Amino acid sequence: MGIKKQEMERQQQIQEEISRIKLPRGRECFGIVEQRLGGSRMSVRCLDGKTRVCRIPGRLKRKLWIREGDVIVVEPWEYDADKGDVLFKYRQSQIDWLMRKGHLKGLEETEEF
């Protein structure tokens, strides 16, 4: 019984995770990490067609671990549109849901892996 209960709780947690996905609002956009540059900075190819140098803000540095190929939410800076901040990183189950719902249409065309 204990194993089945744990399995049901895990599936319920996955469903909750998928139902509460953060979507970009306002100036925010989806992006794919192309290259880590060091010092919490990275080169990100955004779905609006630009490549930005983005950084992880201090409040997220220890919580957010990002690798090349991750799908993230980027907020461009107001005074320099070629730079931005990383706001959120998606897990694989969330990426699958976003693709099924059609939010990542530009990602399918530029996907290399």
PDB file of N, CA and C in Angstrom:
ATOM      1  N   MET A   1       0.811  -1.197   0.000  1.00  0.00           N
ATOM      2  CA  MET A   1       0.000   0.000   0.000  1.00  0.00           C
ATOM      3  C   MET A   1       0.855   1.261   0.000  1.00  0.00           C
ATOM      4  N   GLY A   2       1.950   1.245   0.733  1.00  0.00           N
ATOM      5  CA  GLY A   2       2.787   2.428   0.846  1.00  0.00           C
ATOM      6  C   GLY A   2       3.369   2.841  -0.493  1.00  0.00           C
ATOM      7  N   ILE A   3       3.774   1.862  -1.310  1.00  0.00           N
ATOM      8  CA  ILE A   3       4.375   2.164  -2.606  1.00  0.00           C
ATOM      9  C   ILE A   3       3.340   2.760  -3.549  1.00  0.00           C
ATOM     10  N   LYS A   4       2.138   2.193  -3.571  1.00  0.00           N
ATOM     11  CA  LYS A   4       1.090   2.729  -4.441  1.00  0.00           C
ATOM     12  C   LYS A   4       0.713   4.149  -4.040  1.00  0.00           C
ATOM     13  N   LYS A   5       0.660   4.394  -2.749  1.00  0.00           N
ATOM     14  CA  LYS A   5       0.316   5.736  -2.268  1.00  0.00           C
ATOM     15  C   LYS A   5       1.385   6.742  -2.676  1.00  0.00           C
ATOM     16  N   GLN A   6       2.666   6.354  -2.570  1.00  0.00           N
ATOM     17  CA  GLN A   6       3.748   7.234  -2.979  1.00  0.00           C
ATOM     18  C   GLN A   6       3.672   7.513  -4.478  1.00  0.00           C
ATOM     19  N   GLU A   7       3.372   6.477  -5.268  1.00  0.00           N
ATOM     20  CA  GLU A   7       3.261   6.640  -6.719  1.00  0.00           C
ATOM     21  C   GLU A   7       2.113   7.587  -7.074  1.00  0.00           C
ATOM     22  N   MET A   8       0.982   7.447  -6.387  1.00  0.00           N
ATOM     23  CA  MET A   8      -0.160   8.328  -6.643  1.00  0.00           C
ATOM     24  C   MET A   8       0.168   9.767  -6.263  1.00  0.00           C
ATOM     25  N   GLU A   9       0.876   9.957  -5.141  1.00  0.00           N
ATOM     26  CA  GLU A   9       1.262  11.310  -4.729  1.00  0.00           C
ATOM     27  C   GLU A   9       2.212  11.927  -5.739  1.00  0.00           C
ATOM     28  N   ARG A  10       3.149  11.119  -6.275  1.00  0.00           N
ATOM     29  CA  ARG A  10       4.108  11.625  -7.267  1.00  0.00           C
ATOM     30  C   ARG A  10       3.381  12.037  -8.549  1.00  0.00           C
ATOM     31  N   GLN A  11       2.421  11.233  -9.007  1.00  0.00           N
ATOM     32  CA  GLN A  11       1.664  11.582 -10.207  1.00  0.00           C
ATOM     33  C   GLN A  11       0.827  12.834  -9.990  1.00  0.00           C
ATOM     34  N   GLN A  12       0.252  12.958  -8.789  1.00  0.00           N
ATOM     35  CA  GLN A  12      -0.529  14.155  -8.480  1.00  0.00           C
ATOM     36  C   GLN A  12       0.366  15.386  -8.458  1.00  0.00           C
ATOM     37  N   GLN A  13       1.595  15.233  -7.953  1.00  0.00           N
ATOM     38  CA  GLN A  13       2.528  16.356  -7.920  1.00  0.00           C
ATOM     39  C   GLN A  13       2.910  16.770  -9.339  1.00  0.00           C
ATOM     40  N   ILE A  14       3.093  15.800 -10.236  1.00  0.00           N
ATOM     41  CA  ILE A  14       3.407  16.113 -11.633  1.00  0.00           C
ATOM     42  C   ILE A  14       2.245  16.864 -12.265  1.00  0.00           C
ATOM     43  N   GLN A  15       1.011  16.446 -12.011  1.00  0.00           N
ATOM     44  CA  GLN A  15      -0.157  17.128 -12.564  1.00  0.00           C
ATOM     45  C   GLN A  15      -0.253  18.559 -12.046  1.00  0.00           C
ATOM     46  N   GLU A  16       0.024  18.777 -10.749  1.00  0.00           N
ATOM     47  CA  GLU A  16      -0.001  20.129 -10.200  1.00  0.00           C
ATOM     48  C   GLU A  16       1.078  20.983 -10.834  1.00  0.00           C
ATOM     49  N   GLU A  17       2.247  20.371 -11.050  1.00  0.00           N
ATOM     50  CA  GLU A  17       3.360  21.083 -11.650  1.00  0.00           C
ATOM     51  C   GLU A  17       2.991  21.568 -13.049  1.00  0.00           C
ATOM     52  N   ILE A  18       2.325  20.710 -13.814  1.00  0.00           N
ATOM     53  CA  ILE A  18       1.953  21.058 -15.176  1.00  0.00           C
ATOM     54  C   ILE A  18       0.825  22.088 -15.185  1.00  0.00           C
ATOM     55  N   SER A  19      -0.086  22.021 -14.247  1.00  0.00           N
ATOM     56  CA  SER A  19      -1.226  22.930 -14.263  1.00  0.00           C
ATOM     57  C   SER A  19      -0.856  24.348 -13.828  1.00  0.00           C
ATOM     58  N   ARG A  20       0.294  24.529 -13.212  1.00  0.00           N
ATOM     59  CA  ARG A  20       0.704  25.844 -12.732  1.00  0.00           C
ATOM     60  C   ARG A  20       1.953  26.329 -13.435  1.00  0.00           C
ATOM     61  N   ILE A  21       1.975  26.287 -14.727  1.00  0.00           N
ATOM     62  CA  ILE A  21       3.158  26.689 -15.485  1.00  0.00           C
ATOM     63  C   ILE A  21       3.172  28.201 -15.671  1.00  0.00           C
ATOM     64  N   LYS A  22       4.324  28.799 -15.410  1.00  0.00           N
ATOM     65  CA  LYS A  22       4.489  30.242 -15.579  1.00  0.00           C
ATOM     66  C   LYS A  22       4.672  30.538 -17.061  1.00  0.00           C
ATOM     67  N   LEU A  23       3.873  31.457 -17.577  1.00  0.00           N
ATOM     68  CA  LEU A  23       3.991  31.897 -18.962  1.00  0.00           C
ATOM     69  C   LEU A  23       4.535  33.321 -18.984  1.00  0.00           C
ATOM     70  N   PRO A  24       5.246  33.695 -20.047  1.00  0.00           N
ATOM     71  CA  PRO A  24       5.775  35.061 -20.127  1.00  0.00           C
ATOM     72  C   PRO A  24       4.658  36.097 -20.180  1.00  0.00           C
ATOM     73  N   ARG A  25       4.860  37.207 -19.484  1.00  0.00           N
ATOM     74  CA  ARG A  25       3.899  38.316 -19.483  1.00  0.00           C
ATOM     75  C   ARG A  25       4.606  39.585 -19.915  1.00  0.00           C
ATOM     76  N   GLY A  26       3.894  40.447 -20.589  1.00  0.00           N
ATOM     77  CA  GLY A  26       4.445  41.755 -20.961  1.00  0.00           C
ATOM     78  C   GLY A  26       5.664  41.628 -21.856  1.00  0.00           C
ATOM     79  N   ARG A  27       6.796  42.144 -21.387  1.00  0.00           N
ATOM     80  CA  ARG A  27       8.027  42.147 -22.177  1.00  0.00           C
ATOM     81  C   ARG A  27       8.790  40.831 -22.107  1.00  0.00           C
ATOM     82  N   GLU A  28       8.405  39.925 -21.247  1.00  0.00           N
ATOM     83  CA  GLU A  28       9.125  38.666 -21.071  1.00  0.00           C
ATOM     84  C   GLU A  28       8.961  37.778 -22.304  1.00  0.00           C
ATOM     85  N   CYS A  29       9.943  36.888 -22.529  1.00  0.00           N
ATOM     86  CA  CYS A  29       9.866  35.969 -23.666  1.00  0.00           C
ATOM     87  C   CYS A  29      10.580  34.663 -23.308  1.00  0.00           C
ATOM     88  N   PHE A  30      10.301  33.627 -24.099  1.00  0.00           N
ATOM     89  CA  PHE A  30      10.978  32.340 -23.940  1.00  0.00           C
ATOM     90  C   PHE A  30      12.371  32.443 -24.532  1.00  0.00           C
ATOM     91  N   GLY A  31      13.290  31.636 -24.013  1.00  0.00           N
ATOM     92  CA  GLY A  31      14.643  31.603 -24.549  1.00  0.00           C
ATOM     93  C   GLY A  31      15.277  30.246 -24.325  1.00  0.00           C
ATOM     94  N   ILE A  32      16.328  29.961 -25.110  1.00  0.00           N
ATOM     95  CA  ILE A  32      17.095  28.727 -24.981  1.00  0.00           C
ATOM     96  C   ILE A  32      18.538  29.109 -24.699  1.00  0.00           C
ATOM     97  N   VAL A  33      19.119  28.513 -23.686  1.00  0.00           N
ATOM     98  CA  VAL A  33      20.500  28.812 -23.325  1.00  0.00           C
ATOM     99  C   VAL A  33      21.418  28.192 -24.367  1.00  0.00           C
ATOM    100  N   GLU A  34      22.222  29.034 -25.018  1.00  0.00           N
ATOM    101  CA  GLU A  34      23.167  28.553 -26.019  1.00  0.00           C
ATOM    102  C   GLU A  34      24.526  28.250 -25.409  1.00  0.00           C
ATOM    103  N   GLN A  35      24.998  29.164 -24.528  1.00  0.00           N
ATOM    104  CA  GLN A  35      26.340  29.012 -24.004  1.00  0.00           C
ATOM    105  C   GLN A  35      26.458  29.684 -22.646  1.00  0.00           C
ATOM    106  N   ARG A  36      27.138  29.036 -21.702  1.00  0.00           N
ATOM    107  CA  ARG A  36      27.443  29.655 -20.416  1.00  0.00           C
ATOM    108  C   ARG A  36      28.702  30.504 -20.601  1.00  0.00           C
ATOM    109  N   LEU A  37      28.673  31.730 -20.097  1.00  0.00           N
ATOM    110  CA  LEU A  37      29.797  32.641 -20.266  1.00  0.00           C
ATOM    111  C   LEU A  37      30.599  32.835 -18.987  1.00  0.00           C
ATOM    112  N   GLY A  38      30.084  32.366 -17.854  1.00  0.00           N
ATOM    113  CA  GLY A  38      30.777  32.513 -16.583  1.00  0.00           C
ATOM    114  C   GLY A  38      30.249  33.704 -15.814  1.00  0.00           C
ATOM    115  N   GLY A  39      30.398  33.681 -14.508  1.00  0.00           N
ATOM    116  CA  GLY A  39      29.942  34.790 -13.686  1.00  0.00           C
ATOM    117  C   GLY A  39      28.443  34.967 -13.715  1.00  0.00           C
ATOM    118  N   SER A  40      27.686  33.887 -13.736  1.00  0.00           N
ATOM    119  CA  SER A  40      26.221  33.855 -13.790  1.00  0.00           C
ATOM    120  C   SER A  40      25.672  34.550 -15.040  1.00  0.00           C
ATOM    121  N   ARG A  41      26.457  34.576 -16.113  1.00  0.00           N
ATOM    122  CA  ARG A  41      26.002  35.129 -17.383  1.00  0.00           C
ATOM    123  C   ARG A  41      25.956  34.022 -18.433  1.00  0.00           C
ATOM    124  N   MET A  42      25.084  34.208 -19.423  1.00  0.00           N
ATOM    125  CA  MET A  42      24.944  33.211 -20.476  1.00  0.00           C
ATOM    126  C   MET A  42      24.420  33.862 -21.751  1.00  0.00           C
ATOM    127  N   SER A  43      24.679  33.216 -22.861  1.00  0.00           N
ATOM    128  CA  SER A  43      24.152  33.649 -24.147  1.00  0.00           C
ATOM    129  C   SER A  43      22.852  32.888 -24.385  1.00  0.00           C
ATOM    130  N   VAL A  44      21.763  33.636 -24.630  1.00  0.00           N
ATOM    131  CA  VAL A  44      20.432  33.042 -24.757  1.00  0.00           C
ATOM    132  C   VAL A  44      19.831  33.446 -26.097  1.00  0.00           C
ATOM    133  N   ARG A  45      19.335  32.444 -26.838  1.00  0.00           N
ATOM    134  CA  ARG A  45      18.612  32.709 -28.087  1.00  0.00           C
ATOM    135  C   ARG A  45      17.139  32.787 -27.751  1.00  0.00           C
ATOM    136  N   CYS A  46      16.576  33.983 -27.864  1.00  0.00           N
ATOM    137  CA  CYS A  46      15.172  34.206 -27.507  1.00  0.00           C
ATOM    138  C   CYS A  46      14.271  33.916 -28.707  1.00  0.00           C
ATOM    139  N   LEU A  47      13.008  33.601 -28.427  1.00  0.00           N
ATOM    140  CA  LEU A  47      12.080  33.254 -29.503  1.00  0.00           C
ATOM    141  C   LEU A  47      11.583  34.488 -30.256  1.00  0.00           C
ATOM    142  N   ASP A  48      11.949  35.697 -29.799  1.00  0.00           N
ATOM    143  CA  ASP A  48      11.602  36.884 -30.568  1.00  0.00           C
ATOM    144  C   ASP A  48      12.665  37.195 -31.619  1.00  0.00           C
ATOM    145  N   GLY A  49      13.675  36.309 -31.769  1.00  0.00           N
ATOM    146  CA  GLY A  49      14.653  36.441 -32.837  1.00  0.00           C
ATOM    147  C   GLY A  49      15.978  37.042 -32.420  1.00  0.00           C
ATOM    148  N   LYS A  50      16.132  37.488 -31.204  1.00  0.00           N
ATOM    149  CA  LYS A  50      17.368  38.121 -30.762  1.00  0.00           C
ATOM    150  C   LYS A  50      18.183  37.155 -29.916  1.00  0.00           C
ATOM    151  N   THR A  51      19.495  37.362 -29.919  1.00  0.00           N
ATOM    152  CA  THR A  51      20.384  36.648 -29.013  1.00  0.00           C
ATOM    153  C   THR A  51      20.830  37.643 -27.963  1.00  0.00           C
ATOM    154  N   ARG A  52      20.575  37.321 -26.703  1.00  0.00           N
ATOM    155  CA  ARG A  52      20.862  38.235 -25.598  1.00  0.00           C
ATOM    156  C   ARG A  52      21.884  37.617 -24.648  1.00  0.00           C
ATOM    157  N   VAL A  53      22.657  38.502 -24.006  1.00  0.00           N
ATOM    158  CA  VAL A  53      23.506  38.088 -22.897  1.00  0.00           C
ATOM    159  C   VAL A  53      22.674  38.296 -21.639  1.00  0.00           C
ATOM    160  N   CYS A  54      22.331  37.209 -20.965  1.00  0.00           N
ATOM    161  CA  CYS A  54      21.454  37.273 -19.803  1.00  0.00           C
ATOM    162  C   CYS A  54      22.222  36.885 -18.549  1.00  0.00           C
ATOM    163  N   ARG A  55      21.729  37.356 -17.429  1.00  0.00           N
ATOM    164  CA  ARG A  55      22.353  37.028 -16.150  1.00  0.00           C
ATOM    165  C   ARG A  55      21.299  36.471 -15.212  1.00  0.00           C
ATOM    166  N   ILE A  56      21.771  35.732 -14.220  1.00  0.00           N
ATOM    167  CA  ILE A  56      20.888  35.227 -13.174  1.00  0.00           C
ATOM    168  C   ILE A  56      20.944  36.243 -12.041  1.00  0.00           C
ATOM    169  N   PRO A  57      19.821  36.846 -11.664  1.00  0.00           N
ATOM    170  CA  PRO A  57      19.830  37.829 -10.577  1.00  0.00           C
ATOM    171  C   PRO A  57      20.286  37.190  -9.260  1.00  0.00           C
ATOM    172  N   GLY A  58      20.799  38.014  -8.350  1.00  0.00           N
ATOM    173  CA  GLY A  58      21.340  37.530  -7.092  1.00  0.00           C
ATOM    174  C   GLY A  58      20.357  36.736  -6.260  1.00  0.00           C
ATOM    175  N   ARG A  59      19.086  37.103  -6.289  1.00  0.00           N
ATOM    176  CA  ARG A  59      18.098  36.392  -5.473  1.00  0.00           C
ATOM    177  C   ARG A  59      17.846  34.979  -5.975  1.00  0.00           C
ATOM    178  N   LEU A  60      18.243  34.663  -7.218  1.00  0.00           N
ATOM    179  CA  LEU A  60      18.033  33.330  -7.779  1.00  0.00           C
ATOM    180  C   LEU A  60      19.322  32.537  -7.981  1.00  0.00           C
ATOM    181  N   LYS A  61      20.479  33.120  -7.679  1.00  0.00           N
ATOM    182  CA  LYS A  61      21.755  32.483  -7.998  1.00  0.00           C
ATOM    183  C   LYS A  61      21.899  31.091  -7.402  1.00  0.00           C
ATOM    184  N   ARG A  62      21.541  30.918  -6.152  1.00  0.00           N
ATOM    185  CA  ARG A  62      21.726  29.619  -5.497  1.00  0.00           C
ATOM    186  C   ARG A  62      20.563  28.659  -5.764  1.00  0.00           C
ATOM    187  N   LYS A  63      19.422  29.174  -6.182  1.00  0.00           N
ATOM    188  CA  LYS A  63      18.245  28.339  -6.416  1.00  0.00           C
ATOM    189  C   LYS A  63      18.163  27.821  -7.848  1.00  0.00           C
ATOM    190  N   LEU A  64      18.703  28.568  -8.801  1.00  0.00           N
ATOM    191  CA  LEU A  64      18.496  28.291 -10.220  1.00  0.00           C
ATOM    192  C   LEU A  64      19.778  27.769 -10.849  1.00  0.00           C
ATOM    193  N   TRP A  65      19.805  26.497 -11.217  1.00  0.00           N
ATOM    194  CA  TRP A  65      20.955  25.892 -11.873  1.00  0.00           C
ATOM    195  C   TRP A  65      20.596  25.693 -13.339  1.00  0.00           C
ATOM    196  N   ILE A  66      21.355  26.335 -14.210  1.00  0.00           N
ATOM    197  CA  ILE A  66      21.024  26.342 -15.639  1.00  0.00           C
ATOM    198  C   ILE A  66      22.173  25.751 -16.441  1.00  0.00           C
ATOM    199  N   ARG A  67      21.812  24.938 -17.440  1.00  0.00           N
ATOM    200  CA  ARG A  67      22.784  24.341 -18.354  1.00  0.00           C
ATOM    201  C   ARG A  67      22.442  24.753 -19.775  1.00  0.00           C
ATOM    202  N   GLU A  68      23.336  24.438 -20.698  1.00  0.00           N
ATOM    203  CA  GLU A  68      23.082  24.714 -22.104  1.00  0.00           C
ATOM    204  C   GLU A  68      21.909  23.861 -22.574  1.00  0.00           C
ATOM    205  N   GLY A  69      21.022  24.464 -23.359  1.00  0.00           N
ATOM    206  CA  GLY A  69      19.860  23.751 -23.887  1.00  0.00           C
ATOM    207  C   GLY A  69      18.609  23.894 -23.045  1.00  0.00           C
ATOM    208  N   ASP A  70      18.697  24.517 -21.867  1.00  0.00           N
ATOM    209  CA  ASP A  70      17.526  24.701 -21.018  1.00  0.00           C
ATOM    210  C   ASP A  70      16.603  25.769 -21.600  1.00  0.00           C
ATOM    211  N   VAL A  71      15.301  25.595 -21.408  1.00  0.00           N
ATOM    212  CA  VAL A  71      14.308  26.583 -21.821  1.00  0.00           C
ATOM    213  C   VAL A  71      13.999  27.451 -20.606  1.00  0.00           C
ATOM    214  N   ILE A  72      14.082  28.765 -20.796  1.00  0.00           N
ATOM    215  CA  ILE A  72      13.929  29.705 -19.688  1.00  0.00           C
ATOM    216  C   ILE A  72      13.014  30.860 -20.097  1.00  0.00           C
ATOM    217  N   VAL A  73      12.621  31.663 -19.114  1.00  0.00           N
ATOM    218  CA  VAL A  73      11.900  32.911 -19.359  1.00  0.00           C
ATOM    219  C   VAL A  73      12.886  34.046 -19.142  1.00  0.00           C
ATOM    220  N   VAL A  74      12.967  34.947 -20.116  1.00  0.00           N
ATOM    221  CA  VAL A  74      13.915  36.062 -20.090  1.00  0.00           C
ATOM    222  C   VAL A  74      13.146  37.374 -20.070  1.00  0.00           C
ATOM    223  N   GLU A  75      13.593  38.310 -19.244  1.00  0.00           N
ATOM    224  CA  GLU A  75      13.048  39.662 -19.256  1.00  0.00           C
ATOM    225  C   GLU A  75      14.130  40.613 -19.765  1.00  0.00           C
ATOM    226  N   PRO A  76      13.962  41.196 -20.960  1.00  0.00           N
ATOM    227  CA  PRO A  76      14.962  42.133 -21.484  1.00  0.00           C
ATOM    228  C   PRO A  76      15.062  43.387 -20.607  1.00  0.00           C
ATOM    229  N   TRP A  77      16.266  43.956 -20.556  1.00  0.00           N
ATOM    230  CA  TRP A  77      16.449  45.201 -19.808  1.00  0.00           C
ATOM    231  C   TRP A  77      15.783  46.340 -20.551  1.00  0.00           C
ATOM    232  N   GLU A  78      15.326  47.343 -19.826  1.00  0.00           N
ATOM    233  CA  GLU A  78      14.635  48.476 -20.445  1.00  0.00           C
ATOM    234  C   GLU A  78      15.580  49.328 -21.281  1.00  0.00           C
ATOM    235  N   TYR A  79      16.768  49.580 -20.775  1.00  0.00           N
ATOM    236  CA  TYR A  79      17.666  50.514 -21.453  1.00  0.00           C
ATOM    237  C   TYR A  79      18.611  49.838 -22.441  1.00  0.00           C
ATOM    238  N   ASP A  80      18.742  48.519 -22.404  1.00  0.00           N
ATOM    239  CA  ASP A  80      19.593  47.801 -23.347  1.00  0.00           C
ATOM    240  C   ASP A  80      18.895  46.497 -23.721  1.00  0.00           C
ATOM    241  N   ALA A  81      18.283  46.450 -24.884  1.00  0.00           N
ATOM    242  CA  ALA A  81      17.459  45.302 -25.275  1.00  0.00           C
ATOM    243  C   ALA A  81      18.300  44.068 -25.600  1.00  0.00           C
ATOM    244  N   ASP A  82      19.627  44.215 -25.725  1.00  0.00           N
ATOM    245  CA  ASP A  82      20.484  43.074 -26.023  1.00  0.00           C
ATOM    246  C   ASP A  82      20.924  42.331 -24.769  1.00  0.00           C
ATOM    247  N   LYS A  83      20.456  42.774 -23.614  1.00  0.00           N
ATOM    248  CA  LYS A  83      20.770  42.116 -22.350  1.00  0.00           C
ATOM    249  C   LYS A  83      19.474  41.825 -21.618  1.00  0.00           C
ATOM    250  N   GLY A  84      19.528  40.905 -20.647  1.00  0.00           N
ATOM    251  CA  GLY A  84      18.311  40.575 -19.922  1.00  0.00           C
ATOM    252  C   GLY A  84      18.592  39.780 -18.664  1.00  0.00           C
ATOM    253  N   ASP A  85      17.522  39.491 -17.937  1.00  0.00           N
ATOM    254  CA  ASP A  85      17.585  38.709 -16.710  1.00  0.00           C
ATOM    255  C   ASP A  85      16.816  37.403 -16.896  1.00  0.00           C
ATOM    256  N   VAL A  86      17.314  36.345 -16.286  1.00  0.00           N
ATOM    257  CA  VAL A  86      16.633  35.050 -16.290  1.00  0.00           C
ATOM    258  C   VAL A  86      15.643  35.051 -15.135  1.00  0.00           C
ATOM    259  N   LEU A  87      14.388  34.727 -15.410  1.00  0.00           N
ATOM    260  CA  LEU A  87      13.365  34.731 -14.381  1.00  0.00           C
ATOM    261  C   LEU A  87      12.936  33.339 -13.939  1.00  0.00           C
ATOM    262  N   PHE A  88      12.957  32.368 -14.864  1.00  0.00           N
ATOM    263  CA  PHE A  88      12.386  31.059 -14.562  1.00  0.00           C
ATOM    264  C   PHE A  88      12.977  30.014 -15.499  1.00  0.00           C
ATOM    265  N   LYS A  89      13.157  28.799 -14.990  1.00  0.00           N
ATOM    266  CA  LYS A  89      13.631  27.675 -15.791  1.00  0.00           C
ATOM    267  C   LYS A  89      12.555  26.595 -15.810  1.00  0.00           C
ATOM    268  N   TYR A  90      12.278  26.032 -16.992  1.00  0.00           N
ATOM    269  CA  TYR A  90      11.256  24.996 -17.139  1.00  0.00           C
ATOM    270  C   TYR A  90      11.870  23.606 -17.005  1.00  0.00           C
ATOM    271  N   ARG A  91      11.110  22.681 -16.415  1.00  0.00           N
ATOM    272  CA  ARG A  91      11.490  21.273 -16.358  1.00  0.00           C
ATOM    273  C   ARG A  91      11.007  20.595 -17.636  1.00  0.00           C
ATOM    274  N   GLN A  92      11.476  19.362 -17.868  1.00  0.00           N
ATOM    275  CA  GLN A  92      11.153  18.663 -19.111  1.00  0.00           C
ATOM    276  C   GLN A  92       9.660  18.418 -19.262  1.00  0.00           C
ATOM    277  N   SER A  93       8.961  18.059 -18.189  1.00  0.00           N
ATOM    278  CA  SER A  93       7.518  17.819 -18.291  1.00  0.00           C
ATOM    279  C   SER A  93       6.785  19.119 -18.643  1.00  0.00           C
ATOM    280  N   GLN A  94       7.263  20.235 -18.139  1.00  0.00           N
ATOM    281  CA  GLN A  94       6.649  21.525 -18.460  1.00  0.00           C
ATOM    282  C   GLN A  94       6.921  21.910 -19.911  1.00  0.00           C
ATOM    283  N   ILE A  95       8.117  21.607 -20.410  1.00  0.00           N
ATOM    284  CA  ILE A  95       8.453  21.903 -21.811  1.00  0.00           C
ATOM    285  C   ILE A  95       7.556  21.092 -22.741  1.00  0.00           C
ATOM    286  N   ASP A  96       7.340  19.814 -22.410  1.00  0.00           N
ATOM    287  CA  ASP A  96       6.457  18.970 -23.224  1.00  0.00           C
ATOM    288  C   ASP A  96       5.046  19.547 -23.273  1.00  0.00           C
ATOM    289  N   TRP A  97       4.543  20.009 -22.119  1.00  0.00           N
ATOM    290  CA  TRP A  97       3.200  20.603 -22.052  1.00  0.00           C
ATOM    291  C   TRP A  97       3.136  21.872 -22.898  1.00  0.00           C
ATOM    292  N   LEU A  98       4.155  22.728 -22.798  1.00  0.00           N
ATOM    293  CA  LEU A  98       4.173  23.971 -23.579  1.00  0.00           C
ATOM    294  C   LEU A  98       4.203  23.685 -25.079  1.00  0.00           C
ATOM    295  N   MET A  99       4.931  22.654 -25.490  1.00  0.00           N
ATOM    296  CA  MET A  99       4.979  22.297 -26.914  1.00  0.00           C
ATOM    297  C   MET A  99       3.622  21.775 -27.386  1.00  0.00           C
ATOM    298  N   ARG A 100       2.977  20.936 -26.556  1.00  0.00           N
ATOM    299  CA  ARG A 100       1.659  20.417 -26.940  1.00  0.00           C
ATOM    300  C   ARG A 100       0.647  21.543 -27.077  1.00  0.00           C
ATOM    301  N   LYS A 101       0.710  22.539 -26.217  1.00  0.00           N
ATOM    302  CA  LYS A 101      -0.244  23.644 -26.242  1.00  0.00           C
ATOM    303  C   LYS A 101       0.108  24.709 -27.285  1.00  0.00           C
ATOM    304  N   GLY A 102       1.284  24.599 -27.921  1.00  0.00           N
ATOM    305  CA  GLY A 102       1.643  25.518 -29.003  1.00  0.00           C
ATOM    306  C   GLY A 102       2.327  26.801 -28.564  1.00  0.00           C
ATOM    307  N   HIS A 103       2.803  26.872 -27.331  1.00  0.00           N
ATOM    308  CA  HIS A 103       3.477  28.077 -26.865  1.00  0.00           C
ATOM    309  C   HIS A 103       4.907  28.176 -27.388  1.00  0.00           C
ATOM    310  N   LEU A 104       5.505  27.051 -27.755  1.00  0.00           N
ATOM    311  CA  LEU A 104       6.902  27.039 -28.196  1.00  0.00           C
ATOM    312  C   LEU A 104       7.022  26.725 -29.680  1.00  0.00           C
ATOM    313  N   LYS A 105       6.207  27.365 -30.509  1.00  0.00           N
ATOM    314  CA  LYS A 105       6.241  27.092 -31.939  1.00  0.00           C
ATOM    315  C   LYS A 105       7.587  27.475 -32.558  1.00  0.00           C
ATOM    316  N   GLY A 106       8.159  28.577 -32.132  1.00  0.00           N
ATOM    317  CA  GLY A 106       9.460  28.994 -32.657  1.00  0.00           C
ATOM    318  C   GLY A 106      10.584  28.067 -32.234  1.00  0.00           C
ATOM    319  N   LEU A 107      10.410  27.380 -31.125  1.00  0.00           N
ATOM    320  CA  LEU A 107      11.427  26.455 -30.626  1.00  0.00           C
ATOM    321  C   LEU A 107      11.544  25.237 -31.522  1.00  0.00           C
ATOM    322  N   GLU A 108      10.443  24.748 -32.047  1.00  0.00           N
ATOM    323  CA  GLU A 108      10.455  23.555 -32.890  1.00  0.00           C
ATOM    324  C   GLU A 108      11.254  23.799 -34.166  1.00  0.00           C
ATOM    325  N   GLU A 109      11.220  25.019 -34.695  1.00  0.00           N
ATOM    326  CA  GLU A 109      11.925  25.318 -35.936  1.00  0.00           C
ATOM    327  C   GLU A 109      13.422  25.464 -35.707  1.00  0.00           C
ATOM    328  N   THR A 110      13.817  25.980 -34.525  1.00  0.00           N
ATOM    329  CA  THR A 110      15.225  26.240 -34.262  1.00  0.00           C
ATOM    330  C   THR A 110      15.896  25.158 -33.445  1.00  0.00           C
ATOM    331  N   GLU A 111      15.182  24.109 -33.114  1.00  0.00           N
ATOM    332  CA  GLU A 111      15.711  23.051 -32.264  1.00  0.00           C
ATOM    333  C   GLU A 111      16.774  22.259 -33.019  1.00  0.00           C
ATOM    334  N   GLU A 112      17.942  22.085 -32.398  1.00  0.00           N
ATOM    335  CA  GLU A 112      19.037  21.365 -33.042  1.00  0.00           C
ATOM    336  C   GLU A 112      19.290  19.997 -32.464  1.00  0.00           C
ATOM    337  N   PHE A 113      18.762  19.722 -31.269  1.00  0.00           N
ATOM    338  CA  PHE A 113      19.053  18.429 -30.641  1.00  0.00           C
ATOM    339  C   PHE A 113      17.826  17.587 -30.502  1.00  0.00           C
TER     340      PHE A 113
END
